[in-house]
């Protein structure tokens, strides 16, 4: 019985701490491997840019017209243009605004 509490505690620690961290690491690995030319990104330093070329683990990112930097893919904090196949080109805000206009016209 004395051994039960530490085992349960270790199990809960694994379930609530280690497992989510592994899931986040897998998602980050998938995001980094999916980055390719044409993607908009934010670096870990907060620089916004568009990937122009990928060579192995290096990215060439255009941060301003005619200004391109070379960086490691590990320095990417976020991929901005997550394209949703079901998206019809309008954002939810535009849909809400259109619905509000229709309500006002009624």
N, C-alpha and C. Protein backbone atom coordinates (compact mmCIF):
# COMPACT_ATOMS: atom_id res chain seq x y z
N UNK A 1 0.82 -1.19 0.00
CA UNK A 1 0.00 0.00 0.00
C UNK A 1 0.87 1.26 0.00
N UNK A 2 2.02 1.19 0.66
CA UNK A 2 2.91 2.33 0.70
C UNK A 2 3.49 2.64 -0.68
N UNK A 3 3.60 1.65 -1.52
CA UNK A 3 4.16 1.81 -2.84
C UNK A 3 3.12 2.32 -3.85
N UNK A 4 1.87 2.19 -3.53
CA UNK A 4 0.79 2.56 -4.44
C UNK A 4 0.75 4.08 -4.70
N UNK A 5 0.86 4.89 -3.64
CA UNK A 5 0.77 6.34 -3.81
C UNK A 5 1.88 6.88 -4.71
N UNK A 6 3.15 6.52 -4.52
CA UNK A 6 4.18 7.03 -5.43
C UNK A 6 3.99 6.58 -6.88
N UNK A 7 3.51 5.36 -7.07
CA UNK A 7 3.27 4.89 -8.44
C UNK A 7 2.14 5.66 -9.10
N UNK A 8 1.08 5.90 -8.35
CA UNK A 8 -0.04 6.69 -8.89
C UNK A 8 0.43 8.12 -9.18
N UNK A 9 1.23 8.68 -8.30
CA UNK A 9 1.75 10.03 -8.49
C UNK A 9 2.62 10.10 -9.74
N UNK A 10 3.50 9.13 -9.94
CA UNK A 10 4.34 9.10 -11.14
C UNK A 10 3.49 8.95 -12.41
N UNK A 11 2.46 8.13 -12.34
CA UNK A 11 1.55 7.96 -13.48
C UNK A 11 0.84 9.25 -13.83
N UNK A 12 0.35 9.96 -12.83
CA UNK A 12 -0.32 11.24 -13.07
C UNK A 12 0.66 12.29 -13.60
N UNK A 13 1.88 12.28 -13.07
CA UNK A 13 2.89 13.21 -13.56
C UNK A 13 3.17 12.96 -15.04
N UNK A 14 3.30 11.70 -15.41
CA UNK A 14 3.53 11.36 -16.82
C UNK A 14 2.34 11.84 -17.65
N UNK A 15 1.14 11.56 -17.21
CA UNK A 15 -0.06 11.87 -17.98
C UNK A 15 -0.25 13.37 -18.19
N UNK A 16 0.05 14.17 -17.15
CA UNK A 16 -0.21 15.60 -17.23
C UNK A 16 0.99 16.45 -17.62
N UNK A 17 2.22 15.93 -17.52
CA UNK A 17 3.39 16.75 -17.83
C UNK A 17 4.17 16.23 -19.04
N UNK A 18 4.56 15.01 -19.02
CA UNK A 18 5.44 14.48 -20.06
C UNK A 18 4.70 14.26 -21.36
N UNK A 19 3.53 13.68 -21.30
CA UNK A 19 2.77 13.38 -22.52
C UNK A 19 2.43 14.63 -23.34
N UNK A 20 1.93 15.71 -22.72
CA UNK A 20 1.66 16.93 -23.50
C UNK A 20 2.92 17.54 -24.11
N UNK A 21 4.03 17.48 -23.41
CA UNK A 21 5.28 18.01 -23.96
C UNK A 21 5.71 17.23 -25.18
N UNK A 22 5.56 15.92 -25.14
CA UNK A 22 5.90 15.11 -26.31
C UNK A 22 5.00 15.45 -27.49
N UNK A 23 3.72 15.65 -27.22
CA UNK A 23 2.79 16.00 -28.29
C UNK A 23 3.15 17.34 -28.91
N UNK A 24 3.51 18.33 -28.08
CA UNK A 24 3.91 19.64 -28.59
C UNK A 24 5.18 19.54 -29.42
N UNK A 25 6.12 18.71 -28.98
CA UNK A 25 7.37 18.53 -29.72
C UNK A 25 7.09 17.89 -31.08
N UNK A 26 6.18 16.92 -31.12
CA UNK A 26 5.84 16.29 -32.40
C UNK A 26 5.17 17.28 -33.33
N UNK A 27 4.27 18.12 -32.81
CA UNK A 27 3.60 19.13 -33.63
C UNK A 27 4.62 20.14 -34.17
N UNK A 28 5.57 20.53 -33.34
CA UNK A 28 6.61 21.48 -33.78
C UNK A 28 7.48 20.85 -34.86
N UNK A 29 7.84 19.58 -34.69
CA UNK A 29 8.63 18.89 -35.72
C UNK A 29 7.88 18.82 -37.04
N UNK A 30 6.57 18.54 -36.97
CA UNK A 30 5.76 18.50 -38.20
C UNK A 30 5.70 19.88 -38.86
N UNK A 31 5.54 20.93 -38.04
CA UNK A 31 5.49 22.28 -38.58
C UNK A 31 6.80 22.64 -39.25
N UNK A 32 7.93 22.32 -38.60
CA UNK A 32 9.23 22.66 -39.17
C UNK A 32 9.50 21.89 -40.46
N UNK A 33 9.08 20.65 -40.53
CA UNK A 33 9.33 19.87 -41.75
C UNK A 33 8.40 20.28 -42.89
N UNK A 34 7.29 20.95 -42.57
CA UNK A 34 6.35 21.34 -43.61
C UNK A 34 6.65 22.72 -44.20
N UNK A 35 7.57 23.45 -43.63
CA UNK A 35 7.89 24.81 -44.12
C UNK A 35 8.62 24.69 -45.45
N UNK A 36 8.14 25.44 -46.43
CA UNK A 36 8.73 25.42 -47.77
C UNK A 36 8.60 26.81 -48.38
N UNK A 37 9.12 26.98 -49.56
CA UNK A 37 9.07 28.26 -50.26
C UNK A 37 7.62 28.73 -50.39
N UNK A 38 7.40 30.00 -50.16
CA UNK A 38 6.07 30.59 -50.28
C UNK A 38 5.34 30.71 -48.95
N UNK A 39 5.86 30.08 -47.89
CA UNK A 39 5.21 30.16 -46.59
C UNK A 39 5.58 31.44 -45.87
N UNK A 40 4.61 32.03 -45.19
CA UNK A 40 4.87 33.19 -44.33
C UNK A 40 5.16 32.68 -42.93
N UNK A 41 6.20 33.22 -42.30
CA UNK A 41 6.62 32.74 -40.99
C UNK A 41 6.90 33.91 -40.06
N UNK A 42 7.01 33.58 -38.77
CA UNK A 42 7.50 34.49 -37.75
C UNK A 42 8.67 33.78 -37.09
N UNK A 43 9.81 34.47 -36.99
CA UNK A 43 10.97 33.86 -36.35
C UNK A 43 10.84 33.97 -34.84
N UNK A 44 11.68 33.24 -34.13
CA UNK A 44 11.65 33.30 -32.67
C UNK A 44 12.05 34.68 -32.17
N UNK A 45 12.70 35.47 -33.00
CA UNK A 45 13.05 36.85 -32.66
C UNK A 45 11.97 37.85 -33.00
N UNK A 46 10.86 37.39 -33.58
CA UNK A 46 9.74 38.26 -33.90
C UNK A 46 9.79 38.89 -35.27
N UNK A 47 10.65 38.39 -36.16
CA UNK A 47 10.75 38.93 -37.51
C UNK A 47 9.77 38.20 -38.42
N UNK A 48 8.94 38.95 -39.12
CA UNK A 48 7.99 38.39 -40.08
C UNK A 48 8.66 38.32 -41.45
N UNK A 49 8.38 37.26 -42.20
CA UNK A 49 8.95 37.17 -43.53
C UNK A 49 8.32 36.06 -44.33
N UNK A 50 8.72 35.99 -45.60
CA UNK A 50 8.24 34.96 -46.52
C UNK A 50 9.42 34.09 -46.94
N UNK A 51 9.24 32.79 -46.85
CA UNK A 51 10.31 31.86 -47.22
C UNK A 51 10.43 31.86 -48.74
N UNK A 52 11.63 32.11 -49.24
CA UNK A 52 11.86 32.10 -50.68
C UNK A 52 12.50 30.80 -51.14
N UNK A 53 13.26 30.16 -50.23
CA UNK A 53 13.96 28.92 -50.60
C UNK A 53 14.30 28.15 -49.33
N UNK A 54 14.28 26.81 -49.47
CA UNK A 54 14.71 25.95 -48.37
C UNK A 54 15.82 25.05 -48.88
N UNK A 55 16.94 25.04 -48.16
CA UNK A 55 18.08 24.18 -48.50
C UNK A 55 18.43 23.40 -47.24
N UNK A 56 17.99 22.16 -47.17
CA UNK A 56 18.22 21.35 -45.98
C UNK A 56 17.52 21.95 -44.78
N UNK A 57 18.29 22.28 -43.74
CA UNK A 57 17.73 22.90 -42.54
C UNK A 57 17.85 24.42 -42.55
N UNK A 58 18.25 24.98 -43.69
CA UNK A 58 18.38 26.43 -43.81
C UNK A 58 17.22 27.00 -44.63
N UNK A 59 16.78 28.18 -44.21
CA UNK A 59 15.72 28.89 -44.93
C UNK A 59 16.27 30.22 -45.40
N UNK A 60 15.83 30.65 -46.57
CA UNK A 60 16.10 31.99 -47.06
C UNK A 60 14.77 32.73 -46.96
N UNK A 61 14.76 33.78 -46.15
CA UNK A 61 13.52 34.47 -45.82
C UNK A 61 13.62 35.92 -46.26
N UNK A 62 12.64 36.35 -47.05
CA UNK A 62 12.57 37.75 -47.47
C UNK A 62 11.80 38.52 -46.41
N UNK A 63 12.49 39.46 -45.76
CA UNK A 63 11.87 40.22 -44.67
C UNK A 63 11.43 41.61 -45.11
N UNK A 64 11.90 42.05 -46.26
CA UNK A 64 11.51 43.32 -46.87
C UNK A 64 11.85 43.19 -48.35
N UNK A 65 11.29 44.07 -49.20
CA UNK A 65 11.63 43.97 -50.62
C UNK A 65 13.14 44.03 -50.83
N UNK A 66 13.67 43.06 -51.54
CA UNK A 66 15.08 42.95 -51.87
C UNK A 66 16.00 42.70 -50.67
N UNK A 67 15.43 42.32 -49.51
CA UNK A 67 16.24 42.00 -48.33
C UNK A 67 15.91 40.57 -47.90
N UNK A 68 16.92 39.72 -48.00
CA UNK A 68 16.73 38.30 -47.71
C UNK A 68 17.75 37.86 -46.67
N UNK A 69 17.30 37.10 -45.69
CA UNK A 69 18.20 36.59 -44.67
C UNK A 69 18.22 35.06 -44.74
N UNK A 70 19.32 34.50 -44.26
CA UNK A 70 19.45 33.05 -44.19
C UNK A 70 19.33 32.67 -42.72
N UNK A 71 18.51 31.69 -42.41
CA UNK A 71 18.32 31.29 -41.03
C UNK A 71 18.06 29.79 -40.93
N UNK A 72 18.19 29.27 -39.74
CA UNK A 72 17.91 27.87 -39.49
C UNK A 72 16.40 27.67 -39.35
N UNK A 73 15.93 26.53 -39.78
CA UNK A 73 14.51 26.23 -39.65
C UNK A 73 14.11 26.14 -38.17
N UNK A 74 15.06 25.84 -37.29
CA UNK A 74 14.78 25.76 -35.86
C UNK A 74 14.46 27.13 -35.26
N UNK A 75 14.76 28.20 -35.98
CA UNK A 75 14.48 29.55 -35.50
C UNK A 75 13.08 30.03 -35.83
N UNK A 76 12.28 29.18 -36.46
CA UNK A 76 10.91 29.56 -36.81
C UNK A 76 10.01 29.33 -35.60
N UNK A 77 9.29 30.35 -35.20
CA UNK A 77 8.37 30.23 -34.07
C UNK A 77 6.97 29.82 -34.53
N UNK A 78 6.57 30.31 -35.72
CA UNK A 78 5.20 30.06 -36.16
C UNK A 78 5.11 30.13 -37.67
N UNK A 79 4.30 29.28 -38.24
CA UNK A 79 3.98 29.32 -39.66
C UNK A 79 2.64 30.02 -39.78
N UNK A 80 2.60 31.11 -40.54
CA UNK A 80 1.41 31.96 -40.56
C UNK A 80 0.33 31.52 -41.52
N UNK A 81 0.71 31.07 -42.70
CA UNK A 81 -0.33 30.79 -43.70
C UNK A 81 -0.73 29.32 -43.65
N UNK A 82 -1.48 28.96 -42.59
CA UNK A 82 -2.04 27.62 -42.50
C UNK A 82 -3.29 27.59 -43.36
N UNK A 83 -3.18 27.02 -44.54
CA UNK A 83 -4.27 27.03 -45.50
C UNK A 83 -5.27 25.95 -45.12
N UNK A 84 -6.54 26.36 -45.00
CA UNK A 84 -7.61 25.43 -44.69
C UNK A 84 -8.35 25.13 -45.99
N UNK A 85 -8.43 23.87 -46.37
CA UNK A 85 -9.05 23.50 -47.64
C UNK A 85 -10.53 23.85 -47.69
N UNK A 86 -11.19 23.91 -46.53
CA UNK A 86 -12.62 24.20 -46.52
C UNK A 86 -12.89 25.71 -46.53
N UNK A 87 -11.86 26.53 -46.49
CA UNK A 87 -12.01 27.98 -46.47
C UNK A 87 -12.44 28.46 -47.86
N UNK A 88 -13.45 29.31 -47.89
CA UNK A 88 -13.94 29.82 -49.16
C UNK A 88 -13.37 31.19 -49.48
N UNK A 89 -12.33 31.59 -48.77
CA UNK A 89 -11.69 32.86 -49.07
C UNK A 89 -12.16 34.00 -48.19
N UNK A 90 -13.19 33.78 -47.38
CA UNK A 90 -13.68 34.80 -46.49
C UNK A 90 -13.37 34.40 -45.07
N UNK A 91 -12.98 35.37 -44.26
CA UNK A 91 -12.72 35.07 -42.85
C UNK A 91 -14.04 35.06 -42.09
N UNK A 92 -13.99 34.55 -40.85
CA UNK A 92 -15.19 34.50 -40.03
C UNK A 92 -15.67 35.91 -39.71
N UNK A 93 -14.73 36.86 -39.54
CA UNK A 93 -15.11 38.23 -39.24
C UNK A 93 -15.91 38.83 -40.38
N UNK A 94 -15.50 38.54 -41.62
CA UNK A 94 -16.23 39.06 -42.78
C UNK A 94 -17.61 38.43 -42.84
N UNK A 95 -17.72 37.13 -42.51
CA UNK A 95 -19.03 36.47 -42.50
C UNK A 95 -19.93 37.09 -41.44
N UNK A 96 -19.36 37.36 -40.24
CA UNK A 96 -20.13 37.97 -39.18
C UNK A 96 -20.59 39.37 -39.56
N UNK A 97 -19.71 40.14 -40.21
CA UNK A 97 -20.05 41.50 -40.62
C UNK A 97 -21.15 41.46 -41.68
N UNK A 98 -21.07 40.51 -42.61
CA UNK A 98 -22.10 40.39 -43.64
C UNK A 98 -23.44 40.02 -43.01
N UNK A 99 -23.40 39.15 -42.00
CA UNK A 99 -24.64 38.76 -41.31
C UNK A 99 -25.22 39.92 -40.55
N UNK A 100 -24.39 40.77 -39.95
CA UNK A 100 -24.87 41.93 -39.21
C UNK A 100 -25.49 42.94 -40.15
N UNK A 101 -24.91 43.11 -41.35
CA UNK A 101 -25.47 44.04 -42.34
C UNK A 101 -26.84 43.55 -42.80
N UNK A 102 -26.99 42.26 -42.98
CA UNK A 102 -28.27 41.71 -43.40
C UNK A 102 -29.32 41.94 -42.31
N UNK A 103 -28.92 41.81 -41.02
CA UNK A 103 -29.85 42.04 -39.92
C UNK A 103 -30.27 43.50 -39.86
N UNK A 104 -29.32 44.42 -40.16
CA UNK A 104 -29.63 45.84 -40.12
C UNK A 104 -30.58 46.23 -41.25
N UNK A 105 -30.49 45.56 -42.39
CA UNK A 105 -31.32 45.88 -43.54
C UNK A 105 -32.73 45.33 -43.40
N UNK A 106 -32.96 44.42 -42.48
CA UNK A 106 -34.29 43.78 -42.32
C UNK A 106 -35.25 44.67 -41.62
